[in-house]
């Protein structure tokens, strides 16, 4: 992850900051610009805005030590899909159920799903309905003109139950829109601006991966000052998951002699072990150390044509903390 210096905390927490900011704005102003035209809509927007902020904060707080990068990617993807689907559904419902009159464009009304029988008859061409639906000198051309020229409330054309059903639908769609957007934004921020520590769970095994280039200088096994941030996160993961026993594995790329790489990988694993024992507050965890050198690569060290593969070698230089998945 890029180091932003004094702005690092802001970069790491960008997702939750944005979501909480939106929540505060919604709480203060109670209007989102495209909110549903329902009763108590300002209060609804405020509640939903705060809920989105809470969701973002919880995802940030508990996800950092409990969820792996792949899970965040999946949450972001599903959140984006849900956001797109609910946006389409909300726009369709908003366009179909709400209306404004030309003489009062700032006021938006919400109709219902089904017109009253008298209103349907008038729109079908029957101008001789009893008062207040008729008789009419001219048959209305559409629902909007009929409503706007009547000077009455929406209950004139739509039964109250129909309007309430439309209100419930609009609120549910609006809530789904805000919540899915908040989840997608927060999860994406965790993926894009999250830590270099990667957590991967497969079958019965969980691996916490720390890139060696973040922890050590080239060809060295003493920890860099910048390694502290990532080691703190790794220790937090071990504590939050109540790990009882773990193995710290050292890995290198294929450059150099096998014996040298094996020793280097072991010493790097030992450096992580020593830090965790001294600063990680993991006294109750049984830790073991092993060095594998270049024998367990994550990616090819060379391209198919035999040329160097720097990206692959960088992936192979790593320290992994392995423990039983629970």
Protein backbone atom coordinates (compact mmCIF):
# COMPACT_ATOMS: atom_id res chain seq x y z
CA UNK A 1 0.00 0.00 0.00
CA UNK A 2 1.21 3.48 -0.81
CA UNK A 3 2.52 5.40 2.17
CA UNK A 4 0.72 8.75 2.46
CA UNK A 5 2.80 10.04 5.35
CA UNK A 6 0.81 12.14 7.82
CA UNK A 7 -2.29 11.53 5.71
CA UNK A 8 -1.98 7.76 6.12
CA UNK A 9 -4.84 7.46 8.67
CA UNK A 10 -7.14 9.37 6.33
CA UNK A 11 -6.20 7.16 3.38
CA UNK A 12 -6.71 3.95 5.32
CA UNK A 13 -10.10 5.04 6.64
CA UNK A 14 -11.36 6.81 3.51
CA UNK A 15 -14.37 4.55 3.12
CA UNK A 16 -15.73 4.96 6.61
CA UNK A 17 -14.95 8.71 6.61
CA UNK A 18 -16.98 9.23 3.43
CA UNK A 19 -19.89 7.14 4.71
CA UNK A 20 -19.97 8.79 8.11
CA UNK A 21 -19.79 12.18 6.38
CA UNK A 22 -22.81 11.28 4.27
CA UNK A 23 -24.59 10.09 7.40
CA UNK A 24 -23.93 13.39 9.16
CA UNK A 25 -25.14 15.32 6.11
CA UNK A 26 -28.30 13.23 5.98
CA UNK A 27 -28.83 13.68 9.70
CA UNK A 28 -28.49 17.46 9.48
CA UNK A 29 -30.41 18.11 6.29
CA UNK A 30 -32.69 15.07 6.03
CA UNK A 31 -32.86 15.22 2.25
CA UNK A 32 -30.97 13.28 -0.39
CA UNK A 33 -32.28 15.08 -3.51
CA UNK A 34 -33.86 11.95 -4.90
CA UNK A 35 -35.64 10.82 -1.74
CA UNK A 36 -39.08 9.23 -1.96
CA UNK A 37 -42.05 11.65 -1.75
CA UNK A 38 -43.57 10.02 1.33
CA UNK A 39 -44.80 11.15 4.72
CA UNK A 40 -41.95 11.97 7.17
CA UNK A 41 -39.40 11.60 4.39
CA UNK A 42 -36.85 13.82 6.14
CA UNK A 43 -36.94 11.61 9.21
CA UNK A 44 -36.63 8.50 7.03
CA UNK A 45 -33.60 9.91 5.22
CA UNK A 46 -31.97 10.81 8.52
CA UNK A 47 -32.50 7.34 9.97
CA UNK A 48 -31.23 5.62 6.82
CA UNK A 49 -28.21 7.92 6.64
CA UNK A 50 -27.23 7.13 10.21
CA UNK A 51 -27.78 3.42 9.52
CA UNK A 52 -25.43 3.60 6.54
CA UNK A 53 -22.80 5.28 8.69
CA UNK A 54 -23.17 2.58 11.35
CA UNK A 55 -22.86 -0.18 8.73
CA UNK A 56 -19.72 1.40 7.33
CA UNK A 57 -18.19 1.80 10.79
CA UNK A 58 -18.99 -1.79 11.76
CA UNK A 59 -17.61 -3.14 8.51
CA UNK A 60 -14.42 -1.17 9.06
CA UNK A 61 -14.08 -2.04 12.76
CA UNK A 62 -14.74 -5.78 12.65
CA UNK A 63 -13.73 -6.49 9.08
CA UNK A 64 -10.10 -5.41 9.45
CA UNK A 65 -9.29 -8.40 11.60
CA UNK A 66 -11.96 -10.90 10.64
CA UNK A 67 -12.42 -10.71 6.87
CA UNK A 68 -9.86 -11.46 4.18
CA UNK A 69 -9.22 -9.43 1.05
CA UNK A 70 -11.13 -11.86 -1.16
CA UNK A 71 -14.17 -11.52 1.08
CA UNK A 72 -14.02 -7.73 0.85
CA UNK A 73 -13.82 -8.02 -2.94
CA UNK A 74 -16.90 -10.23 -2.98
CA UNK A 75 -18.79 -7.91 -0.64
CA UNK A 76 -17.88 -4.94 -2.85
CA UNK A 77 -18.96 -6.81 -5.99
CA UNK A 78 -22.28 -7.95 -4.58
CA UNK A 79 -22.86 -4.51 -3.09
CA UNK A 80 -22.26 -2.92 -6.50
CA UNK A 81 -24.64 -5.38 -8.18
CA UNK A 82 -27.30 -4.71 -5.54
CA UNK A 83 -26.74 -0.98 -5.94
CA UNK A 84 -27.24 -1.17 -9.71
CA UNK A 85 -30.37 -3.33 -9.47
CA UNK A 86 -31.99 -1.24 -6.76
CA UNK A 87 -31.10 1.97 -8.59
CA UNK A 88 -32.87 0.74 -11.73
CA UNK A 89 -35.87 -0.43 -9.70
CA UNK A 90 -36.02 2.82 -7.75
CA UNK A 91 -35.82 4.99 -10.86
CA UNK A 92 -38.61 2.98 -12.51
CA UNK A 93 -40.82 3.15 -9.40
CA UNK A 94 -40.02 6.83 -8.86
CA UNK A 95 -40.95 7.69 -12.44
CA UNK A 96 -44.12 5.59 -12.43
CA UNK A 97 -45.54 6.51 -9.04
CA UNK A 98 -44.56 10.13 -8.45
CA UNK A 99 -45.74 13.22 -10.30
CA UNK A 100 -45.57 17.00 -10.25
CA UNK A 101 -47.97 19.59 -11.57
CA UNK A 102 -46.89 22.33 -13.96
CA UNK A 103 -48.23 25.08 -11.70
CA UNK A 104 -46.29 23.74 -8.68
CA UNK A 105 -43.11 22.02 -9.94
CA UNK A 106 -41.48 22.04 -6.49
CA UNK A 107 -44.06 19.75 -4.93
CA UNK A 108 -43.92 16.06 -5.76
CA UNK A 109 -46.86 13.77 -5.05
CA UNK A 110 -46.93 10.00 -4.77
CA UNK A 111 -49.75 8.11 -6.38
CA UNK A 112 -50.81 4.53 -5.80
CA UNK A 113 -50.74 1.25 -7.65
CA UNK A 114 -54.42 1.25 -8.60
CA UNK A 115 -56.84 4.07 -9.43
CA UNK A 116 -60.32 4.30 -7.93
CA UNK A 117 -63.02 2.77 -10.15
CA UNK A 118 -64.57 6.20 -10.82
CA UNK A 119 -61.22 7.64 -11.89
CA UNK A 120 -60.57 4.70 -14.20
CA UNK A 121 -63.99 5.20 -15.77
CA UNK A 122 -63.34 8.91 -16.40
CA UNK A 123 -59.94 8.21 -17.98
CA UNK A 124 -61.62 5.56 -20.14
CA UNK A 125 -63.88 8.30 -21.61
CA UNK A 126 -66.90 8.36 -19.28
CA UNK A 127 -67.35 12.04 -18.35
CA UNK A 128 -70.69 11.48 -16.60
CA UNK A 129 -69.44 10.01 -13.34
CA UNK A 130 -71.08 11.37 -10.17
CA UNK A 131 -69.50 14.19 -8.19
CA UNK A 132 -66.71 14.83 -7.45
CA UNK A 133 -65.47 12.78 -10.45
CA UNK A 134 -67.88 14.24 -12.96
CA UNK A 135 -69.67 15.34 -14.98
CA UNK A 136 -66.73 16.89 -16.83
CA UNK A 137 -66.77 19.19 -19.85
CA UNK A 138 -63.59 17.59 -21.22
CA UNK A 139 -62.23 14.08 -20.66
CA UNK A 140 -58.74 14.17 -19.03
CA UNK A 141 -56.02 12.94 -21.33
CA UNK A 142 -53.99 11.21 -18.62
CA UNK A 143 -53.69 10.66 -14.88
CA UNK A 144 -51.41 13.66 -14.38
CA UNK A 145 -53.76 16.16 -16.01
CA UNK A 146 -56.77 14.68 -14.20
CA UNK A 147 -55.05 14.97 -10.81
CA UNK A 148 -53.46 18.39 -11.35
CA UNK A 149 -56.72 19.95 -12.62
CA UNK A 150 -58.76 18.46 -9.77
CA UNK A 151 -57.06 20.54 -7.08
CA UNK A 152 -57.39 17.62 -4.66
CA UNK A 153 -55.10 15.31 -2.72
CA UNK A 154 -53.81 12.03 -4.22
CA UNK A 155 -56.50 10.14 -2.26
CA UNK A 156 -58.97 11.57 -4.79
CA UNK A 157 -57.67 9.25 -7.52
CA UNK A 158 -56.03 6.44 -5.56
CA UNK A 159 -57.35 4.49 -2.54
CA UNK A 160 -55.40 5.16 0.64
CA UNK A 161 -54.21 1.53 0.87
CA UNK A 162 -52.80 1.82 -2.64
CA UNK A 163 -50.85 4.97 -1.76
CA UNK A 164 -49.53 3.41 1.46
CA UNK A 165 -48.35 0.35 -0.46
CA UNK A 166 -46.53 2.61 -2.90
CA UNK A 167 -44.94 4.49 0.01
CA UNK A 168 -43.69 1.24 1.57
CA UNK A 169 -42.21 0.12 -1.75
CA UNK A 170 -40.45 3.45 -2.30
CA UNK A 171 -39.00 3.50 1.22
CA UNK A 172 -37.76 -0.10 0.94
CA UNK A 173 -36.14 0.56 -2.43
CA UNK A 174 -34.59 3.78 -1.18
CA UNK A 175 -33.24 2.00 1.91
CA UNK A 176 -31.79 -0.79 -0.23
CA UNK A 177 -30.23 1.81 -2.50
CA UNK A 178 -28.47 3.66 0.32
CA UNK A 179 -27.40 0.56 2.22
CA UNK A 180 -26.05 -1.31 -0.81
CA UNK A 181 -24.17 1.81 -1.88
CA UNK A 182 -22.69 2.23 1.59
CA UNK A 183 -21.58 -1.41 1.73
CA UNK A 184 -20.08 -1.30 -1.77
CA UNK A 185 -18.19 1.92 -1.01
CA UNK A 186 -16.87 0.72 2.34
CA UNK A 187 -15.79 -2.70 1.06
CA UNK A 188 -14.14 -1.16 -2.01
CA UNK A 189 -12.20 1.23 0.21
CA UNK A 190 -11.01 -1.70 2.32
CA UNK A 191 -9.78 -3.45 -0.83
CA UNK A 192 -8.15 -0.45 -2.52
CA UNK A 193 -6.76 1.32 0.53
CA UNK A 194 -6.54 -1.58 2.91
CA UNK A 195 -3.43 -3.07 4.50
CA UNK A 196 -0.74 -5.09 2.80
CA UNK A 197 -1.66 -7.93 5.13
CA UNK A 198 -3.77 -10.46 3.24
CA UNK A 199 -5.89 -13.12 4.91
CA UNK A 200 -6.90 -16.19 2.95
CA UNK A 201 -8.94 -19.12 4.24
CA UNK A 202 -9.03 -22.38 2.31
CA UNK A 203 -10.50 -25.64 3.54
CA UNK A 204 -9.39 -25.90 7.18
CA UNK A 205 -6.43 -23.53 6.98
CA UNK A 206 -6.08 -19.76 7.24
CA UNK A 207 -3.00 -17.91 5.99
CA UNK A 208 -2.05 -14.37 6.98
CA UNK A 209 0.37 -13.15 4.32
CA UNK A 210 2.84 -10.31 4.87
CA UNK A 211 4.91 -9.28 1.82
CA UNK A 212 8.59 -9.44 2.69
CA UNK A 213 9.28 -6.21 0.81
CA UNK A 214 7.10 -4.40 3.37
CA UNK A 215 8.87 -6.00 6.32
CA UNK A 216 12.51 -6.16 5.25
CA UNK A 217 15.08 -4.41 3.12
CA UNK A 218 16.53 -6.31 0.18
CA UNK A 219 18.46 -9.39 1.28
CA UNK A 220 18.03 -8.48 4.96
CA UNK A 221 16.18 -10.07 7.87
CA UNK A 222 15.99 -7.16 10.31
CA UNK A 223 12.54 -5.54 10.39
CA UNK A 224 11.97 -2.12 8.84
CA UNK A 225 10.28 0.63 10.92
CA UNK A 226 7.34 0.57 8.50
CA UNK A 227 6.78 -3.13 9.28
CA UNK A 228 5.26 -2.29 12.65
CA UNK A 229 1.89 -1.26 11.17
CA UNK A 230 1.47 -4.56 9.32
CA UNK A 231 2.70 -6.68 12.23
CA UNK A 232 0.20 -4.98 14.53
CA UNK A 233 -2.56 -5.93 12.11
CA UNK A 234 -1.34 -9.51 11.94
CA UNK A 235 -1.25 -9.74 15.75
CA UNK A 236 -4.76 -8.30 15.91
CA UNK A 237 -6.02 -10.98 13.54
CA UNK A 238 -4.50 -13.72 15.69
CA UNK A 239 -6.11 -12.33 18.85
CA UNK A 240 -9.53 -11.67 17.33
CA UNK A 241 -9.70 -15.17 15.90
CA UNK A 242 -8.67 -16.74 19.21
CA UNK A 243 -5.82 -18.65 17.58
CA UNK A 244 -4.23 -21.27 19.81
CA UNK A 245 -1.35 -22.42 17.63
CA UNK A 246 0.24 -20.97 14.49
CA UNK A 247 3.26 -21.54 12.27
CA UNK A 248 5.27 -18.62 10.91
CA UNK A 249 6.59 -19.52 7.45
CA UNK A 250 9.37 -17.67 5.64
CA UNK A 251 9.53 -17.70 1.81
CA UNK A 252 11.90 -16.18 -0.74
CA UNK A 253 12.11 -15.91 -4.51
CA UNK A 254 14.39 -18.14 -6.59
CA UNK A 255 17.30 -15.70 -6.86
CA UNK A 256 20.35 -17.02 -5.00
CA UNK A 257 21.49 -20.41 -3.82
CA UNK A 258 18.91 -22.72 -2.19
CA UNK A 259 20.81 -23.01 1.10
CA UNK A 260 21.14 -19.24 1.40
CA UNK A 261 17.46 -18.70 0.60
CA UNK A 262 16.46 -21.29 3.17
CA UNK A 263 18.49 -19.56 5.88
CA UNK A 264 17.19 -16.12 4.89
CA UNK A 265 13.58 -17.30 4.97
CA UNK A 266 14.07 -18.86 8.40
CA UNK A 267 15.65 -15.72 9.83
CA UNK A 268 12.87 -13.58 8.47
CA UNK A 269 10.27 -15.86 10.03
CA UNK A 270 12.20 -15.69 13.30
CA UNK A 271 12.19 -11.87 13.13
CA UNK A 272 8.40 -11.89 12.87
CA UNK A 273 8.21 -14.46 15.68
CA UNK A 274 10.36 -12.30 17.97
CA UNK A 275 8.29 -9.19 17.27
CA UNK A 276 5.01 -10.99 17.97
CA UNK A 277 6.33 -12.44 21.19
CA UNK A 278 7.62 -9.07 22.41
CA UNK A 279 5.00 -6.64 21.15
CA UNK A 280 2.06 -8.61 19.73
CA UNK A 281 0.36 -9.59 23.00
CA UNK A 282 0.11 -13.19 21.81
CA UNK A 283 1.53 -14.94 24.87
CA UNK A 284 -1.29 -17.49 24.82
CA UNK A 285 -0.56 -18.57 21.26
CA UNK A 286 1.85 -21.42 20.54
CA UNK A 287 4.04 -20.12 17.70
CA UNK A 288 6.42 -22.16 15.53
CA UNK A 289 8.96 -21.06 12.89
CA UNK A 290 9.92 -22.70 9.61
CA UNK A 291 11.77 -21.48 6.52
CA UNK A 292 10.97 -22.84 3.06
CA UNK A 293 13.27 -20.72 0.93
CA UNK A 294 12.06 -20.71 -2.67
CA UNK A 295 10.46 -24.16 -2.57
CA UNK A 296 6.85 -22.95 -2.27
CA UNK A 297 6.36 -20.12 -4.79
CA UNK A 298 3.07 -18.31 -5.13
CA UNK A 299 3.86 -17.19 -8.70
CA UNK A 300 6.42 -18.05 -11.43
CA UNK A 301 9.84 -16.53 -10.83
CA UNK A 302 10.41 -16.50 -14.60
CA UNK A 303 8.31 -15.87 -17.67
CA UNK A 304 7.55 -18.68 -20.11
CA UNK A 305 10.46 -17.53 -22.32
CA UNK A 306 12.90 -17.74 -19.41
CA UNK A 307 13.09 -13.99 -18.74
CA UNK A 308 12.83 -12.53 -15.26
CA UNK A 309 9.40 -12.05 -13.71
CA UNK A 310 9.79 -9.27 -11.08
CA UNK A 311 6.10 -9.26 -10.14
CA UNK A 312 6.10 -12.99 -9.56
CA UNK A 313 9.27 -12.87 -7.49
CA UNK A 314 7.80 -10.07 -5.37
CA UNK A 315 4.79 -12.26 -4.59
CA UNK A 316 7.06 -15.11 -3.57
CA UNK A 317 9.00 -12.99 -1.06
CA UNK A 318 6.72 -13.21 1.92
CA UNK A 319 6.13 -14.33 5.49
CA UNK A 320 2.95 -16.26 6.19
CA UNK A 321 1.31 -17.02 9.53
CA UNK A 322 -0.67 -20.24 9.19
CA UNK A 323 -3.26 -21.52 11.65
CA UNK A 324 -6.31 -23.75 11.75
CA UNK A 325 -9.47 -22.10 10.39
CA UNK A 326 -12.24 -21.78 12.98
